[in-house]
């Protein structure tokens, strides 16, 4: 974490540091913690929005996150054959996954004998209500598509699914 303090001595100024309030007090510095941030950019932007004072910046790094250009380079590095999942999953890997999933049943499942909190249920309920209603539809080739319920189906399409029964 990155902390921004208002230091009182020798003159009032802002200090940006990794030190906690306890460490600052142990160093004998009279100060008041103003905010804490995850990135140095956020801390420096916040200081620029405050009334002007001198700033003592103890952090040498200039950036602690990815730039959009950096994200684009990472994305390009994993395109096509360079992607770890390019050829699909091997048969051996599929068998390992199947064995692991057979073990994770009943009391060995991570959520066994647990319940969702009422607050989590409420959040899920509210988020589901905000989404537009959707239904399954079949195209003339028999492929399934999950469409918004208010859409007009193209000619030859039908509501429903090919596997199982449909409520629609």
C-alpha atoms as a PDB file:
ATOM      1  CA  UNK A   1       0.000   0.000   0.000  1.00  0.00           C
ATOM      2  CA  UNK A   2       1.004   3.563  -0.604  1.00  0.00           C
ATOM      3  CA  UNK A   3       0.216   6.161   2.028  1.00  0.00           C
ATOM      4  CA  UNK A   4      -0.163   9.927   1.778  1.00  0.00           C
ATOM      5  CA  UNK A   5       0.533  11.875   4.970  1.00  0.00           C
ATOM      6  CA  UNK A   6       0.255  15.494   5.967  1.00  0.00           C
ATOM      7  CA  UNK A   7       3.528  16.174   7.778  1.00  0.00           C
ATOM      8  CA  UNK A   8       3.563  19.143  10.186  1.00  0.00           C
ATOM      9  CA  UNK A   9       7.279  19.745  10.789  1.00  0.00           C
ATOM     10  CA  UNK A  10       9.383  21.655   9.740  1.00  0.00           C
ATOM     11  CA  UNK A  11       6.710  23.054   7.398  1.00  0.00           C
ATOM     12  CA  UNK A  12       3.403  21.523   6.395  1.00  0.00           C
ATOM     13  CA  UNK A  13       3.820  19.274   3.352  1.00  0.00           C
ATOM     14  CA  UNK A  14       2.557  16.035   1.813  1.00  0.00           C
ATOM     15  CA  UNK A  15       4.650  12.874   2.057  1.00  0.00           C
ATOM     16  CA  UNK A  16       4.091   9.842  -0.201  1.00  0.00           C
ATOM     17  CA  UNK A  17       5.619   6.681   1.231  1.00  0.00           C
ATOM     18  CA  UNK A  18       5.305   2.950   1.839  1.00  0.00           C
ATOM     19  CA  UNK A  19       5.726   3.496   5.599  1.00  0.00           C
ATOM     20  CA  UNK A  20       2.761   2.826   7.868  1.00  0.00           C
ATOM     21  CA  UNK A  21       1.539   5.375  10.379  1.00  0.00           C
ATOM     22  CA  UNK A  22       3.158   3.391  13.204  1.00  0.00           C
ATOM     23  CA  UNK A  23       6.541   3.452  11.448  1.00  0.00           C
ATOM     24  CA  UNK A  24       6.233   7.178  10.856  1.00  0.00           C
ATOM     25  CA  UNK A  25       5.462   7.769  14.542  1.00  0.00           C
ATOM     26  CA  UNK A  26       8.413   5.556  15.561  1.00  0.00           C
ATOM     27  CA  UNK A  27      10.654   7.767  13.393  1.00  0.00           C
ATOM     28  CA  UNK A  28       9.408  10.756  15.417  1.00  0.00           C
ATOM     29  CA  UNK A  29       7.533  12.411  12.571  1.00  0.00           C
ATOM     30  CA  UNK A  30       4.460  14.429  13.511  1.00  0.00           C
ATOM     31  CA  UNK A  31       1.969  13.587  10.788  1.00  0.00           C
ATOM     32  CA  UNK A  32      -1.609  12.728   9.918  1.00  0.00           C
ATOM     33  CA  UNK A  33      -2.532   9.992   7.467  1.00  0.00           C
ATOM     34  CA  UNK A  34      -4.748  11.363   4.705  1.00  0.00           C
ATOM     35  CA  UNK A  35      -5.334   8.478   2.279  1.00  0.00           C
ATOM     36  CA  UNK A  36      -3.988   5.107   1.197  1.00  0.00           C
ATOM     37  CA  UNK A  37      -3.754   3.879  -2.386  1.00  0.00           C
ATOM     38  CA  UNK A  38      -2.911   0.734  -4.313  1.00  0.00           C
ATOM     39  CA  UNK A  39      -0.933   2.459  -7.068  1.00  0.00           C
ATOM     40  CA  UNK A  40       1.452   5.367  -7.075  1.00  0.00           C
ATOM     41  CA  UNK A  41      -0.444   6.937  -9.980  1.00  0.00           C
ATOM     42  CA  UNK A  42      -3.617   7.173  -7.891  1.00  0.00           C
ATOM     43  CA  UNK A  43      -1.709   8.734  -4.991  1.00  0.00           C
ATOM     44  CA  UNK A  44      -0.009  11.309  -7.188  1.00  0.00           C
ATOM     45  CA  UNK A  45      -3.252  12.170  -8.994  1.00  0.00           C
ATOM     46  CA  UNK A  46      -5.007  12.684  -5.656  1.00  0.00           C
ATOM     47  CA  UNK A  47      -2.240  15.007  -4.440  1.00  0.00           C
ATOM     48  CA  UNK A  48      -2.568  17.107  -7.627  1.00  0.00           C
ATOM     49  CA  UNK A  49      -6.275  17.579  -6.838  1.00  0.00           C
ATOM     50  CA  UNK A  50      -5.535  18.918  -3.321  1.00  0.00           C
ATOM     51  CA  UNK A  51      -4.648  22.495  -2.275  1.00  0.00           C
ATOM     52  CA  UNK A  52      -1.033  23.207  -3.271  1.00  0.00           C
ATOM     53  CA  UNK A  53       1.639  22.217  -0.761  1.00  0.00           C
ATOM     54  CA  UNK A  54       5.177  20.910  -1.083  1.00  0.00           C
ATOM     55  CA  UNK A  55       5.347  17.185  -1.811  1.00  0.00           C
ATOM     56  CA  UNK A  56       8.005  14.815  -0.489  1.00  0.00           C
ATOM     57  CA  UNK A  57       7.783  11.697  -2.660  1.00  0.00           C
ATOM     58  CA  UNK A  58       9.796   8.775  -1.233  1.00  0.00           C
ATOM     59  CA  UNK A  59       8.669   6.331  -3.916  1.00  0.00           C
ATOM     60  CA  UNK A  60      11.034   6.045  -6.860  1.00  0.00           C
ATOM     61  CA  UNK A  61       8.812   3.965  -9.192  1.00  0.00           C
ATOM     62  CA  UNK A  62       6.874   5.843 -11.781  1.00  0.00           C
ATOM     63  CA  UNK A  63       4.330   3.179 -12.730  1.00  0.00           C
ATOM     64  CA  UNK A  64       2.987   0.127 -10.902  1.00  0.00           C
ATOM     65  CA  UNK A  65       0.566  -1.294 -13.456  1.00  0.00           C
ATOM     66  CA  UNK A  66       0.168  -2.223 -17.098  1.00  0.00           C
ATOM     67  CA  UNK A  67      -0.227   0.372 -19.796  1.00  0.00           C
ATOM     68  CA  UNK A  68      -2.712  -0.221 -22.629  1.00  0.00           C
ATOM     69  CA  UNK A  69       0.294  -0.720 -24.931  1.00  0.00           C
ATOM     70  CA  UNK A  70       1.707  -3.338 -22.553  1.00  0.00           C
ATOM     71  CA  UNK A  71      -1.611  -5.171 -22.474  1.00  0.00           C
ATOM     72  CA  UNK A  72      -1.679  -5.165 -26.278  1.00  0.00           C
ATOM     73  CA  UNK A  73       1.854  -6.646 -26.419  1.00  0.00           C
ATOM     74  CA  UNK A  74       0.812  -9.421 -24.015  1.00  0.00           C
ATOM     75  CA  UNK A  75      -2.305 -10.127 -26.065  1.00  0.00           C
ATOM     76  CA  UNK A  76      -0.313 -10.348 -29.298  1.00  0.00           C
ATOM     77  CA  UNK A  77       2.241 -12.636 -27.645  1.00  0.00           C
ATOM     78  CA  UNK A  78      -0.512 -15.194 -26.963  1.00  0.00           C
ATOM     79  CA  UNK A  79      -2.281 -15.146 -30.316  1.00  0.00           C
ATOM     80  CA  UNK A  80      -2.499 -18.137 -32.638  1.00  0.00           C
ATOM     81  CA  UNK A  81      -0.007 -20.959 -32.222  1.00  0.00           C
ATOM     82  CA  UNK A  82       1.715 -19.152 -29.327  1.00  0.00           C
ATOM     83  CA  UNK A  83      -1.406 -19.650 -27.182  1.00  0.00           C
ATOM     84  CA  UNK A  84      -0.907 -22.421 -24.587  1.00  0.00           C
ATOM     85  CA  UNK A  85      -4.312 -23.884 -25.502  1.00  0.00           C
ATOM     86  CA  UNK A  86      -3.805 -23.635 -29.264  1.00  0.00           C
ATOM     87  CA  UNK A  87      -4.015 -27.358 -30.121  1.00  0.00           C
ATOM     88  CA  UNK A  88      -6.739 -28.056 -27.603  1.00  0.00           C
ATOM     89  CA  UNK A  89      -6.408 -30.187 -24.521  1.00  0.00           C
ATOM     90  CA  UNK A  90      -4.628 -33.526 -24.848  1.00  0.00           C
ATOM     91  CA  UNK A  91      -6.443 -36.782 -24.056  1.00  0.00           C
ATOM     92  CA  UNK A  92      -4.199 -37.296 -21.029  1.00  0.00           C
ATOM     93  CA  UNK A  93      -5.100 -33.861 -19.680  1.00  0.00           C
ATOM     94  CA  UNK A  94      -8.814 -34.572 -20.195  1.00  0.00           C
ATOM     95  CA  UNK A  95      -8.461 -37.809 -18.200  1.00  0.00           C
ATOM     96  CA  UNK A  96      -6.771 -35.949 -15.337  1.00  0.00           C
ATOM     97  CA  UNK A  97      -9.599 -33.399 -15.270  1.00  0.00           C
ATOM     98  CA  UNK A  98     -12.211 -36.185 -15.290  1.00  0.00           C
ATOM     99  CA  UNK A  99     -10.502 -37.969 -12.378  1.00  0.00           C
ATOM    100  CA  UNK A 100     -10.304 -34.747 -10.368  1.00  0.00           C
ATOM    101  CA  UNK A 101     -13.975 -33.950 -10.968  1.00  0.00           C
ATOM    102  CA  UNK A 102     -15.057 -37.429  -9.824  1.00  0.00           C
ATOM    103  CA  UNK A 103     -13.287 -36.864  -6.507  1.00  0.00           C
ATOM    104  CA  UNK A 104     -14.862 -33.432  -5.904  1.00  0.00           C
ATOM    105  CA  UNK A 105     -18.293 -34.749  -5.018  1.00  0.00           C
ATOM    106  CA  UNK A 106     -20.232 -34.775  -1.773  1.00  0.00           C
ATOM    107  CA  UNK A 107     -18.139 -34.009   1.268  1.00  0.00           C
ATOM    108  CA  UNK A 108     -15.026 -33.538  -0.875  1.00  0.00           C
ATOM    109  CA  UNK A 109     -16.575 -30.614  -2.763  1.00  0.00           C
ATOM    110  CA  UNK A 110     -15.247 -27.240  -1.598  1.00  0.00           C
ATOM    111  CA  UNK A 111     -18.758 -25.848  -0.985  1.00  0.00           C
ATOM    112  CA  UNK A 112     -20.129 -28.961   0.744  1.00  0.00           C
ATOM    113  CA  UNK A 113     -22.347 -28.129   3.743  1.00  0.00           C
ATOM    114  CA  UNK A 114     -21.995 -24.373   3.129  1.00  0.00           C
ATOM    115  CA  UNK A 115     -24.704 -21.845   2.363  1.00  0.00           C
ATOM    116  CA  UNK A 116     -24.674 -18.522   0.566  1.00  0.00           C
ATOM    117  CA  UNK A 117     -25.137 -15.532   2.841  1.00  0.00           C
ATOM    118  CA  UNK A 118     -28.475 -13.706   2.515  1.00  0.00           C
ATOM    119  CA  UNK A 119     -26.603 -10.607   1.326  1.00  0.00           C
ATOM    120  CA  UNK A 120     -24.971 -12.624  -1.492  1.00  0.00           C
ATOM    121  CA  UNK A 121     -28.345 -14.053  -2.495  1.00  0.00           C
ATOM    122  CA  UNK A 122     -29.820 -10.555  -2.600  1.00  0.00           C
ATOM    123  CA  UNK A 123     -26.946  -9.207  -4.743  1.00  0.00           C
ATOM    124  CA  UNK A 124     -27.327 -12.085  -7.189  1.00  0.00           C
ATOM    125  CA  UNK A 125     -31.064 -11.575  -7.318  1.00  0.00           C
ATOM    126  CA  UNK A 126     -30.725  -7.868  -8.074  1.00  0.00           C
ATOM    127  CA  UNK A 127     -28.094  -8.413 -10.749  1.00  0.00           C
ATOM    128  CA  UNK A 128     -30.235 -11.057 -12.474  1.00  0.00           C
ATOM    129  CA  UNK A 129     -33.246  -8.729 -12.484  1.00  0.00           C
ATOM    130  CA  UNK A 130     -31.295  -6.047 -14.328  1.00  0.00           C
ATOM    131  CA  UNK A 131     -30.363  -8.388 -17.177  1.00  0.00           C
ATOM    132  CA  UNK A 132     -32.754  -8.587 -20.118  1.00  0.00           C
ATOM    133  CA  UNK A 133     -34.688 -11.850 -20.387  1.00  0.00           C
ATOM    134  CA  UNK A 134     -33.162 -14.390 -22.764  1.00  0.00           C
ATOM    135  CA  UNK A 135     -34.357 -17.630 -24.382  1.00  0.00           C
ATOM    136  CA  UNK A 136     -32.838 -20.487 -26.336  1.00  0.00           C
ATOM    137  CA  UNK A 137     -33.468 -20.535 -30.091  1.00  0.00           C
ATOM    138  CA  UNK A 138     -32.627 -23.039 -32.832  1.00  0.00           C
ATOM    139  CA  UNK A 139     -31.430 -22.021 -36.277  1.00  0.00           C
ATOM    140  CA  UNK A 140     -32.387 -24.113 -39.361  1.00  0.00           C
ATOM    141  CA  UNK A 141     -29.147 -26.159 -38.996  1.00  0.00           C
ATOM    142  CA  UNK A 142     -30.071 -27.170 -35.429  1.00  0.00           C
ATOM    143  CA  UNK A 143     -27.486 -24.955 -33.691  1.00  0.00           C
ATOM    144  CA  UNK A 144     -28.529 -23.452 -30.363  1.00  0.00           C
ATOM    145  CA  UNK A 145     -28.343 -19.719 -29.653  1.00  0.00           C
ATOM    146  CA  UNK A 146     -29.126 -17.843 -26.429  1.00  0.00           C
ATOM    147  CA  UNK A 147     -31.012 -14.721 -27.587  1.00  0.00           C
ATOM    148  CA  UNK A 148     -32.787 -11.827 -25.956  1.00  0.00           C
ATOM    149  CA  UNK A 149     -36.470 -12.733 -25.561  1.00  0.00           C
ATOM    150  CA  UNK A 150     -37.678  -9.578 -27.300  1.00  0.00           C
ATOM    151  CA  UNK A 151     -35.751 -10.268 -30.546  1.00  0.00           C
ATOM    152  CA  UNK A 152     -37.580 -11.122 -33.735  1.00  0.00           C
ATOM    153  CA  UNK A 153     -36.568 -14.596 -34.934  1.00  0.00           C
ATOM    154  CA  UNK A 154     -35.288 -14.883 -38.509  1.00  0.00           C
ATOM    155  CA  UNK A 155     -37.259 -17.129 -40.899  1.00  0.00           C
ATOM    156  CA  UNK A 156     -36.758 -20.829 -40.174  1.00  0.00           C
ATOM    157  CA  UNK A 157     -35.667 -20.301 -36.548  1.00  0.00           C
ATOM    158  CA  UNK A 158     -37.670 -21.668 -33.605  1.00  0.00           C
ATOM    159  CA  UNK A 159     -37.691 -21.008 -29.889  1.00  0.00           C
ATOM    160  CA  UNK A 160     -36.394 -23.873 -27.717  1.00  0.00           C
ATOM    161  CA  UNK A 161     -33.449 -26.261 -27.488  1.00  0.00           C
ATOM    162  CA  UNK A 162     -32.718 -29.475 -29.311  1.00  0.00           C
ATOM    163  CA  UNK A 163     -31.570 -31.354 -26.195  1.00  0.00           C
ATOM    164  CA  UNK A 164     -33.929 -31.680 -23.268  1.00  0.00           C
ATOM    165  CA  UNK A 165     -37.294 -30.094 -23.030  1.00  0.00           C
ATOM    166  CA  UNK A 166     -37.899 -26.387 -23.314  1.00  0.00           C
ATOM    167  CA  UNK A 167     -40.089 -24.220 -21.095  1.00  0.00           C
ATOM    168  CA  UNK A 168     -40.788 -21.794 -23.928  1.00  0.00           C
END
